[in-house]
Amino acid sequence: RTIYRFPPDSVDTSTCPGGCLQTWPPLTVASGETPTAGDGVTGDLGTLTRDDGSTQVTLNGFPVYYFAGDTAAGDVNGQNVGPGKWFVITPAGEMQQ
């Protein structure tokens, strides 16, 4: 599935709390697990601990999310959506604007 970045976020800090997460669920892993990159991912994967204690995946230090409006592989319905604008993030960790 497509992952997104929210430009107001900073390295290791998510600015998408509460209701935002219904539309933009974070990509998470179980506590203590390390994310594993799929084929073609060249950015650096890591994690951060969210305020609710969950472990969110980061790409090049920035939190990454799914878009609830994407229902099939390859969907990019969240591109350039909403206040603050959300952007597809490439396998290298760059925003596609």
PDB file of N, CA and C in Angstrom:
ATOM      1  N   ARG A   1       0.833  -1.196   0.000  1.00  0.00           N
ATOM      2  CA  ARG A   1       0.000   0.000   0.000  1.00  0.00           C
ATOM      3  C   ARG A   1       0.867   1.245   0.000  1.00  0.00           C
ATOM      4  N   THR A   2       0.294   2.310  -0.464  1.00  0.00           N
ATOM      5  CA  THR A   2       0.991   3.593  -0.534  1.00  0.00           C
ATOM      6  C   THR A   2       1.149   4.170   0.864  1.00  0.00           C
ATOM      7  N   ILE A   3       2.312   4.758   1.121  1.00  0.00           N
ATOM      8  CA  ILE A   3       2.508   5.462   2.392  1.00  0.00           C
ATOM      9  C   ILE A   3       2.706   6.944   2.115  1.00  0.00           C
ATOM     10  N   TYR A   4       2.404   7.733   3.145  1.00  0.00           N
ATOM     11  CA  TYR A   4       2.381   9.191   3.024  1.00  0.00           C
ATOM     12  C   TYR A   4       3.183   9.837   4.144  1.00  0.00           C
ATOM     13  N   ARG A   5       3.550  11.090   3.881  1.00  0.00           N
ATOM     14  CA  ARG A   5       4.218  11.922   4.875  1.00  0.00           C
ATOM     15  C   ARG A   5       3.427  13.216   5.027  1.00  0.00           C
ATOM     16  N   PHE A   6       3.410  13.722   6.246  1.00  0.00           N
ATOM     17  CA  PHE A   6       2.724  14.959   6.584  1.00  0.00           C
ATOM     18  C   PHE A   6       3.793  16.015   6.875  1.00  0.00           C
ATOM     19  N   PRO A   7       3.949  17.027   6.005  1.00  0.00           N
ATOM     20  CA  PRO A   7       5.044  17.983   6.154  1.00  0.00           C
ATOM     21  C   PRO A   7       5.158  18.679   7.519  1.00  0.00           C
ATOM     22  N   PRO A   8       4.054  18.933   8.263  1.00  0.00           N
ATOM     23  CA  PRO A   8       4.250  19.528   9.587  1.00  0.00           C
ATOM     24  C   PRO A   8       4.989  18.622  10.581  1.00  0.00           C
ATOM     25  N   ASP A   9       5.043  17.299  10.312  1.00  0.00           N
ATOM     26  CA  ASP A   9       5.813  16.416  11.184  1.00  0.00           C
ATOM     27  C   ASP A   9       7.287  16.770  11.083  1.00  0.00           C
ATOM     28  N   SER A  10       8.012  16.459  12.132  1.00  0.00           N
ATOM     29  CA  SER A  10       9.459  16.616  12.098  1.00  0.00           C
ATOM     30  C   SER A  10      10.091  15.263  12.404  1.00  0.00           C
ATOM     31  N   VAL A  11      11.398  15.193  12.338  1.00  0.00           N
ATOM     32  CA  VAL A  11      12.086  13.936  12.601  1.00  0.00           C
ATOM     33  C   VAL A  11      11.664  13.412  13.970  1.00  0.00           C
ATOM     34  N   ASP A  12      11.211  12.169  13.984  1.00  0.00           N
ATOM     35  CA  ASP A  12      10.797  11.465  15.205  1.00  0.00           C
ATOM     36  C   ASP A  12       9.634  12.109  15.946  1.00  0.00           C
ATOM     37  N   THR A  13       8.835  12.949  15.271  1.00  0.00           N
ATOM     38  CA  THR A  13       7.689  13.595  15.911  1.00  0.00           C
ATOM     39  C   THR A  13       6.496  13.602  14.970  1.00  0.00           C
ATOM     40  N   SER A  14       5.388  13.014  15.438  1.00  0.00           N
ATOM     41  CA  SER A  14       4.143  13.030  14.680  1.00  0.00           C
ATOM     42  C   SER A  14       3.256  14.167  15.181  1.00  0.00           C
ATOM     43  N   THR A  15       2.637  14.864  14.233  1.00  0.00           N
ATOM     44  CA  THR A  15       1.688  15.927  14.595  1.00  0.00           C
ATOM     45  C   THR A  15       0.280  15.541  14.149  1.00  0.00           C
ATOM     46  N   CYS A  16       0.028  14.240  14.062  1.00  0.00           N
ATOM     47  CA  CYS A  16      -1.283  13.715  13.656  1.00  0.00           C
ATOM     48  C   CYS A  16      -1.860  12.927  14.836  1.00  0.00           C
ATOM     49  N   PRO A  17      -2.575  13.599  15.748  1.00  0.00           N
ATOM     50  CA  PRO A  17      -3.140  12.910  16.911  1.00  0.00           C
ATOM     51  C   PRO A  17      -4.614  12.557  16.710  1.00  0.00           C
ATOM     52  N   GLY A  18      -5.178  11.843  17.652  1.00  0.00           N
ATOM     53  CA  GLY A  18      -6.612  11.605  17.766  1.00  0.00           C
ATOM     54  C   GLY A  18      -7.356  11.358  16.477  1.00  0.00           C
ATOM     55  N   GLY A  19      -8.310  12.261  16.160  1.00  0.00           N
ATOM     56  CA  GLY A  19      -9.180  12.124  15.000  1.00  0.00           C
ATOM     57  C   GLY A  19      -8.436  12.065  13.684  1.00  0.00           C
ATOM     58  N   CYS A  20      -7.303  12.687  13.606  1.00  0.00           N
ATOM     59  CA  CYS A  20      -6.483  12.649  12.390  1.00  0.00           C
ATOM     60  C   CYS A  20      -6.155  11.204  12.018  1.00  0.00           C
ATOM     61  N   LEU A  21      -5.973  10.368  13.023  1.00  0.00           N
ATOM     62  CA  LEU A  21      -5.543   8.990  12.788  1.00  0.00           C
ATOM     63  C   LEU A  21      -6.625   8.114  12.163  1.00  0.00           C
ATOM     64  N   GLN A  22      -7.880   8.569  12.207  1.00  0.00           N
ATOM     65  CA  GLN A  22      -8.942   7.813  11.549  1.00  0.00           C
ATOM     66  C   GLN A  22      -8.781   7.875  10.031  1.00  0.00           C
ATOM     67  N   THR A  23      -8.368   9.039   9.544  1.00  0.00           N
ATOM     68  CA  THR A  23      -8.148   9.224   8.111  1.00  0.00           C
ATOM     69  C   THR A  23      -6.738   8.827   7.711  1.00  0.00           C
ATOM     70  N   TRP A  24      -5.783   9.046   8.607  1.00  0.00           N
ATOM     71  CA  TRP A  24      -4.373   8.811   8.316  1.00  0.00           C
ATOM     72  C   TRP A  24      -3.773   7.850   9.342  1.00  0.00           C
ATOM     73  N   PRO A  25      -4.142   6.559   9.284  1.00  0.00           N
ATOM     74  CA  PRO A  25      -3.593   5.622  10.268  1.00  0.00           C
ATOM     75  C   PRO A  25      -2.077   5.476  10.112  1.00  0.00           C
ATOM     76  N   PRO A  26      -1.367   5.460  11.229  1.00  0.00           N
ATOM     77  CA  PRO A  26       0.079   5.302  11.144  1.00  0.00           C
ATOM     78  C   PRO A  26       0.468   3.885  10.730  1.00  0.00           C
ATOM     79  N   LEU A  27       1.572   3.773  10.031  1.00  0.00           N
ATOM     80  CA  LEU A  27       2.168   2.476   9.747  1.00  0.00           C
ATOM     81  C   LEU A  27       2.883   2.081  11.035  1.00  0.00           C
ATOM     82  N   THR A  28       2.485   0.972  11.630  1.00  0.00           N
ATOM     83  CA  THR A  28       3.047   0.571  12.916  1.00  0.00           C
ATOM     84  C   THR A  28       3.625  -0.837  12.856  1.00  0.00           C
ATOM     85  N   VAL A  29       4.445  -1.129  13.843  1.00  0.00           N
ATOM     86  CA  VAL A  29       4.952  -2.472  14.090  1.00  0.00           C
ATOM     87  C   VAL A  29       4.727  -2.761  15.566  1.00  0.00           C
ATOM     88  N   ALA A  30       4.781  -4.013  15.928  1.00  0.00           N
ATOM     89  CA  ALA A  30       4.635  -4.387  17.333  1.00  0.00           C
ATOM     90  C   ALA A  30       5.796  -3.815  18.152  1.00  0.00           C
ATOM     91  N   SER A  31       5.522  -3.510  19.391  1.00  0.00           N
ATOM     92  CA  SER A  31       6.544  -2.968  20.281  1.00  0.00           C
ATOM     93  C   SER A  31       7.763  -3.885  20.306  1.00  0.00           C
ATOM     94  N   GLY A  32       8.937  -3.304  20.148  1.00  0.00           N
ATOM     95  CA  GLY A  32      10.180  -4.065  20.169  1.00  0.00           C
ATOM     96  C   GLY A  32      10.591  -4.633  18.822  1.00  0.00           C
ATOM     97  N   GLU A  33       9.704  -4.562  17.821  1.00  0.00           N
ATOM     98  CA  GLU A  33      10.050  -5.066  16.488  1.00  0.00           C
ATOM     99  C   GLU A  33      10.748  -3.992  15.667  1.00  0.00           C
ATOM    100  N   THR A  34      11.540  -4.439  14.726  1.00  0.00           N
ATOM    101  CA  THR A  34      12.227  -3.551  13.793  1.00  0.00           C
ATOM    102  C   THR A  34      11.558  -3.700  12.433  1.00  0.00           C
ATOM    103  N   PRO A  35      11.195  -2.580  11.787  1.00  0.00           N
ATOM    104  CA  PRO A  35      10.578  -2.692  10.460  1.00  0.00           C
ATOM    105  C   PRO A  35      11.571  -3.246   9.443  1.00  0.00           C
ATOM    106  N   THR A  36      11.036  -3.992   8.493  1.00  0.00           N
ATOM    107  CA  THR A  36      11.849  -4.583   7.436  1.00  0.00           C
ATOM    108  C   THR A  36      11.425  -3.977   6.108  1.00  0.00           C
ATOM    109  N   ALA A  37      12.400  -3.489   5.361  1.00  0.00           N
ATOM    110  CA  ALA A  37      12.119  -2.859   4.064  1.00  0.00           C
ATOM    111  C   ALA A  37      11.797  -3.902   3.015  1.00  0.00           C
ATOM    112  N   GLY A  38      10.831  -3.560   2.153  1.00  0.00           N
ATOM    113  CA  GLY A  38      10.527  -4.394   1.000  1.00  0.00           C
ATOM    114  C   GLY A  38      11.493  -4.099  -0.131  1.00  0.00           C
ATOM    115  N   ASP A  39      11.367  -4.862  -1.201  1.00  0.00           N
ATOM    116  CA  ASP A  39      12.214  -4.660  -2.381  1.00  0.00           C
ATOM    117  C   ASP A  39      12.108  -3.224  -2.870  1.00  0.00           C
ATOM    118  N   GLY A  40      13.238  -2.608  -3.144  1.00  0.00           N
ATOM    119  CA  GLY A  40      13.268  -1.276  -3.712  1.00  0.00           C
ATOM    120  C   GLY A  40      13.300  -0.140  -2.712  1.00  0.00           C
ATOM    121  N   VAL A  41      13.055  -0.416  -1.431  1.00  0.00           N
ATOM    122  CA  VAL A  41      13.077   0.650  -0.428  1.00  0.00           C
ATOM    123  C   VAL A  41      14.530   0.962  -0.104  1.00  0.00           C
ATOM    124  N   THR A  42      14.917   2.211  -0.353  1.00  0.00           N
ATOM    125  CA  THR A  42      16.307   2.622  -0.133  1.00  0.00           C
ATOM    126  C   THR A  42      16.458   3.607   1.015  1.00  0.00           C
ATOM    127  N   GLY A  43      15.347   4.157   1.513  1.00  0.00           N
ATOM    128  CA  GLY A  43      15.409   5.058   2.661  1.00  0.00           C
ATOM    129  C   GLY A  43      15.670   4.274   3.938  1.00  0.00           C
ATOM    130  N   ASP A  44      16.069   4.984   4.981  1.00  0.00           N
ATOM    131  CA  ASP A  44      16.369   4.365   6.265  1.00  0.00           C
ATOM    132  C   ASP A  44      15.103   4.210   7.101  1.00  0.00           C
ATOM    133  N   LEU A  45      14.774   2.962   7.442  1.00  0.00           N
ATOM    134  CA  LEU A  45      13.621   2.693   8.282  1.00  0.00           C
ATOM    135  C   LEU A  45      14.000   2.782   9.758  1.00  0.00           C
ATOM    136  N   GLY A  46      13.057   3.260  10.541  1.00  0.00           N
ATOM    137  CA  GLY A  46      13.235   3.339  11.983  1.00  0.00           C
ATOM    138  C   GLY A  46      11.874   3.352  12.632  1.00  0.00           C
ATOM    139  N   THR A  47      11.830   3.693  13.907  1.00  0.00           N
ATOM    140  CA  THR A  47      10.557   3.777  14.620  1.00  0.00           C
ATOM    141  C   THR A  47      10.577   4.938  15.600  1.00  0.00           C
ATOM    142  N   LEU A  48       9.372   5.320  16.016  1.00  0.00           N
ATOM    143  CA  LEU A  48       9.195   6.277  17.097  1.00  0.00           C
ATOM    144  C   LEU A  48       8.057   5.760  17.963  1.00  0.00           C
ATOM    145  N   THR A  49       8.027   6.185  19.205  1.00  0.00           N
ATOM    146  CA  THR A  49       6.941   5.802  20.100  1.00  0.00           C
ATOM    147  C   THR A  49       5.921   6.924  20.124  1.00  0.00           C
ATOM    148  N   ARG A  50       4.680   6.590  19.744  1.00  0.00           N
ATOM    149  CA  ARG A  50       3.598   7.568  19.740  1.00  0.00           C
ATOM    150  C   ARG A  50       3.108   7.806  21.163  1.00  0.00           C
ATOM    151  N   ASP A  51       2.351   8.891  21.358  1.00  0.00           N
ATOM    152  CA  ASP A  51       1.820   9.228  22.680  1.00  0.00           C
ATOM    153  C   ASP A  51       0.974   8.106  23.274  1.00  0.00           C
ATOM    154  N   ASP A  52       0.323   7.300  22.411  1.00  0.00           N
ATOM    155  CA  ASP A  52      -0.508   6.198  22.905  1.00  0.00           C
ATOM    156  C   ASP A  52       0.305   4.935  23.194  1.00  0.00           C
ATOM    157  N   GLY A  53       1.631   5.015  23.003  1.00  0.00           N
ATOM    158  CA  GLY A  53       2.514   3.886  23.273  1.00  0.00           C
ATOM    159  C   GLY A  53       2.766   2.987  22.088  1.00  0.00           C
ATOM    160  N   SER A  54       2.048   3.190  20.977  1.00  0.00           N
ATOM    161  CA  SER A  54       2.275   2.360  19.794  1.00  0.00           C
ATOM    162  C   SER A  54       3.594   2.748  19.129  1.00  0.00           C
ATOM    163  N   THR A  55       4.105   1.847  18.305  1.00  0.00           N
ATOM    164  CA  THR A  55       5.388   2.051  17.640  1.00  0.00           C
ATOM    165  C   THR A  55       5.137   2.335  16.159  1.00  0.00           C
ATOM    166  N   GLN A  56       5.415   3.571  15.753  1.00  0.00           N
ATOM    167  CA  GLN A  56       5.182   3.992  14.370  1.00  0.00           C
ATOM    168  C   GLN A  56       6.473   3.902  13.576  1.00  0.00           C
ATOM    169  N   VAL A  57       6.340   3.444  12.336  1.00  0.00           N
ATOM    170  CA  VAL A  57       7.478   3.340  11.427  1.00  0.00           C
ATOM    171  C   VAL A  57       7.845   4.733  10.912  1.00  0.00           C
ATOM    172  N   THR A  58       9.137   4.960  10.768  1.00  0.00           N
ATOM    173  CA  THR A  58       9.643   6.193  10.160  1.00  0.00           C
ATOM    174  C   THR A  58      10.470   5.830   8.933  1.00  0.00           C
ATOM    175  N   LEU A  59      10.523   6.755   7.996  1.00  0.00           N
ATOM    176  CA  LEU A  59      11.370   6.622   6.816  1.00  0.00           C
ATOM    177  C   LEU A  59      12.228   7.867   6.759  1.00  0.00           C
ATOM    178  N   ASN A  60      13.530   7.679   6.841  1.00  0.00           N
ATOM    179  CA  ASN A  60      14.486   8.792   6.964  1.00  0.00           C
ATOM    180  C   ASN A  60      14.140   9.676   8.161  1.00  0.00           C
ATOM    181  N   GLY A  61      13.620   9.061   9.210  1.00  0.00           N
ATOM    182  CA  GLY A  61      13.320   9.763  10.458  1.00  0.00           C
ATOM    183  C   GLY A  61      11.923  10.334  10.552  1.00  0.00           C
ATOM    184  N   PHE A  62      11.201  10.425   9.432  1.00  0.00           N
ATOM    185  CA  PHE A  62       9.872  11.032   9.435  1.00  0.00           C
ATOM    186  C   PHE A  62       8.786   9.963   9.558  1.00  0.00           C
ATOM    187  N   PRO A  63       7.759  10.217  10.392  1.00  0.00           N
ATOM    188  CA  PRO A  63       6.661   9.262  10.537  1.00  0.00           C
ATOM    189  C   PRO A  63       5.936   9.061   9.210  1.00  0.00           C
ATOM    190  N   VAL A  64       5.486   7.835   8.974  1.00  0.00           N
ATOM    191  CA  VAL A  64       4.739   7.532   7.751  1.00  0.00           C
ATOM    192  C   VAL A  64       3.368   6.960   8.094  1.00  0.00           C
ATOM    193  N   TYR A  65       2.422   7.174   7.175  1.00  0.00           N
ATOM    194  CA  TYR A  65       1.014   6.861   7.393  1.00  0.00           C
ATOM    195  C   TYR A  65       0.409   6.244   6.147  1.00  0.00           C
ATOM    196  N   TYR A  66      -0.725   5.572   6.344  1.00  0.00           N
ATOM    197  CA  TYR A  66      -1.591   5.148   5.253  1.00  0.00           C
ATOM    198  C   TYR A  66      -2.692   6.195   5.102  1.00  0.00           C
ATOM    199  N   PHE A  67      -3.458   6.119   4.004  1.00  0.00           N
ATOM    200  CA  PHE A  67      -4.641   6.952   3.820  1.00  0.00           C
ATOM    201  C   PHE A  67      -5.849   6.029   3.788  1.00  0.00           C
ATOM    202  N   ALA A  68      -6.845   6.315   4.628  1.00  0.00           N
ATOM    203  CA  ALA A  68      -8.034   5.469   4.719  1.00  0.00           C
ATOM    204  C   ALA A  68      -8.787   5.394   3.394  1.00  0.00           C
ATOM    205  N   GLY A  69      -8.636   6.395   2.542  1.00  0.00           N
ATOM    206  CA  GLY A  69      -9.322   6.406   1.253  1.00  0.00           C
ATOM    207  C   GLY A  69      -8.665   5.561   0.181  1.00  0.00           C
ATOM    208  N   ASP A  70      -7.504   4.996   0.476  1.00  0.00           N
ATOM    209  CA  ASP A  70      -6.851   4.075  -0.453  1.00  0.00           C
ATOM    210  C   ASP A  70      -7.359   2.670  -0.148  1.00  0.00           C
ATOM    211  N   THR A  71      -8.004   2.053  -1.124  1.00  0.00           N
ATOM    212  CA  THR A  71      -8.587   0.737  -0.873  1.00  0.00           C
ATOM    213  C   THR A  71      -7.905  -0.388  -1.639  1.00  0.00           C
ATOM    214  N   ALA A  72      -7.088  -0.041  -2.618  1.00  0.00           N
ATOM    215  CA  ALA A  72      -6.406  -1.065  -3.411  1.00  0.00           C
ATOM    216  C   ALA A  72      -4.925  -0.718  -3.552  1.00  0.00           C
ATOM    217  N   ALA A  73      -4.127  -1.735  -3.767  1.00  0.00           N
ATOM    218  CA  ALA A  73      -2.699  -1.514  -3.991  1.00  0.00           C
ATOM    219  C   ALA A  73      -2.522  -0.518  -5.132  1.00  0.00           C
ATOM    220  N   GLY A  74      -1.623   0.446  -4.939  1.00  0.00           N
ATOM    221  CA  GLY A  74      -1.353   1.437  -5.976  1.00  0.00           C
ATOM    222  C   GLY A  74      -2.207   2.686  -5.898  1.00  0.00           C
ATOM    223  N   ASP A  75      -3.270   2.683  -5.062  1.00  0.00           N
ATOM    224  CA  ASP A  75      -4.083   3.898  -4.893  1.00  0.00           C
ATOM    225  C   ASP A  75      -3.237   5.012  -4.290  1.00  0.00           C
ATOM    226  N   VAL A  76      -3.450   6.240  -4.755  1.00  0.00           N
ATOM    227  CA  VAL A  76      -2.762   7.413  -4.218  1.00  0.00           C
ATOM    228  C   VAL A  76      -3.777   8.539  -3.989  1.00  0.00           C
ATOM    229  N   ASN A  77      -4.935   8.171  -3.456  1.00  0.00           N
ATOM    230  CA  ASN A  77      -6.019   9.132  -3.254  1.00  0.00           C
ATOM    231  C   ASN A  77      -5.714  10.191  -2.203  1.00  0.00           C
ATOM    232  N   GLY A  78      -4.707   9.974  -1.383  1.00  0.00           N
ATOM    233  CA  GLY A  78      -4.353  10.943  -0.353  1.00  0.00           C
ATOM    234  C   GLY A  78      -3.349  11.987  -0.804  1.00  0.00           C
ATOM    235  N   GLN A  79      -2.845  11.860  -2.034  1.00  0.00           N
ATOM    236  CA  GLN A  79      -1.836  12.807  -2.528  1.00  0.00           C
ATOM    237  C   GLN A  79      -2.380  14.221  -2.552  1.00  0.00           C
ATOM    238  N   ASN A  80      -1.665  15.136  -1.869  1.00  0.00           N
ATOM    239  CA  ASN A  80      -1.977  16.572  -1.867  1.00  0.00           C
ATOM    240  C   ASN A  80      -3.345  16.869  -1.248  1.00  0.00           C
ATOM    241  N   VAL A  81      -3.737  16.079  -0.260  1.00  0.00           N
ATOM    242  CA  VAL A  81      -5.041  16.198   0.392  1.00  0.00           C
ATOM    243  C   VAL A  81      -4.912  16.923   1.725  1.00  0.00           C
ATOM    244  N   GLY A  82      -5.952  17.699   2.040  1.00  0.00           N
ATOM    245  CA  GLY A  82      -6.141  18.250   3.372  1.00  0.00           C
ATOM    246  C   GLY A  82      -5.296  19.440   3.739  1.00  0.00           C
ATOM    247  N   PRO A  83      -5.657  20.011   4.904  1.00  0.00           N
ATOM    248  CA  PRO A  83      -4.868  21.131   5.427  1.00  0.00           C
ATOM    249  C   PRO A  83      -3.452  20.652   5.748  1.00  0.00           C
ATOM    250  N   GLY A  84      -2.489  21.437   5.412  1.00  0.00           N
ATOM    251  CA  GLY A  84      -1.104  21.044   5.628  1.00  0.00           C
ATOM    252  C   GLY A  84      -0.598  20.122   4.536  1.00  0.00           C
ATOM    253  N   LYS A  85      -1.497  19.579   3.738  1.00  0.00           N
ATOM    254  CA  LYS A  85      -1.233  18.720   2.590  1.00  0.00           C
ATOM    255  C   LYS A  85      -0.419  17.481   2.970  1.00  0.00           C
ATOM    256  N   TRP A  86      -0.881  16.348   2.470  1.00  0.00           N
ATOM    257  CA  TRP A  86      -0.225  15.063   2.637  1.00  0.00           C
ATOM    258  C   TRP A  86       0.369  14.665   1.303  1.00  0.00           C
ATOM    259  N   PHE A  87       1.509  13.991   1.349  1.00  0.00           N
ATOM    260  CA  PHE A  87       2.191  13.628   0.114  1.00  0.00           C
ATOM    261  C   PHE A  87       2.645  12.175   0.139  1.00  0.00           C
ATOM    262  N   VAL A  88       2.537  11.530  -1.028  1.00  0.00           N
ATOM    263  CA  VAL A  88       3.100  10.198  -1.205  1.00  0.00           C
ATOM    264  C   VAL A  88       4.593  10.293  -0.932  1.00  0.00           C
ATOM    265  N   ILE A  89       5.122   9.277  -0.289  1.00  0.00           N
ATOM    266  CA  ILE A  89       6.555   9.250  -0.022  1.00  0.00           C
ATOM    267  C   ILE A  89       7.172   8.122  -0.857  1.00  0.00           C
ATOM    268  N   THR A  90       8.289   8.413  -1.492  1.00  0.00           N
ATOM    269  CA  THR A  90       8.952   7.451  -2.367  1.00  0.00           C
ATOM    270  C   THR A  90       9.711   6.411  -1.541  1.00  0.00           C
ATOM    271  N   PRO A  91      10.139   5.329  -2.163  1.00  0.00           N
ATOM    272  CA  PRO A  91      10.933   4.330  -1.446  1.00  0.00           C
ATOM    273  C   PRO A  91      12.259   4.886  -0.898  1.00  0.00           C
ATOM    274  N   ALA A  92      12.699   6.018  -1.439  1.00  0.00           N
ATOM    275  CA  ALA A  92      13.918   6.657  -0.942  1.00  0.00           C
ATOM    276  C   ALA A  92      13.611   7.613   0.214  1.00  0.00           C
ATOM    277  N   GLY A  93      12.324   7.850   0.481  1.00  0.00           N
ATOM    278  CA  GLY A  93      11.940   8.728   1.587  1.00  0.00           C
ATOM    279  C   GLY A  93      11.673  10.157   1.181  1.00  0.00           C
ATOM    280  N   GLU A  94      11.563  10.417  -0.102  1.00  0.00           N
ATOM    281  CA  GLU A  94      11.294  11.773  -0.600  1.00  0.00           C
ATOM    282  C   GLU A  94       9.804  11.973  -0.824  1.00  0.00           C
ATOM    283  N   MET A  95       9.306  13.177  -0.555  1.00  0.00           N
ATOM    284  CA  MET A  95       7.905  13.497  -0.820  1.00  0.00           C
ATOM    285  C   MET A  95       7.710  13.777  -2.298  1.00  0.00           C
ATOM    286  N   GLN A  96       6.629  13.245  -2.862  1.00  0.00           N
ATOM    287  CA  GLN A  96       6.271  13.550  -4.250  1.00  0.00           C
ATOM    288  C   GLN A  96       5.267  14.692  -4.207  1.00  0.00           C
ATOM    289  N   GLN A  97       5.713  15.880  -4.574  1.00  0.00           N
ATOM    290  CA  GLN A  97       4.833  17.051  -4.510  1.00  0.00           C
ATOM    291  C   GLN A  97       4.268  17.397  -5.854  1.00  0.00           C
TER     292      GLN A  97
END
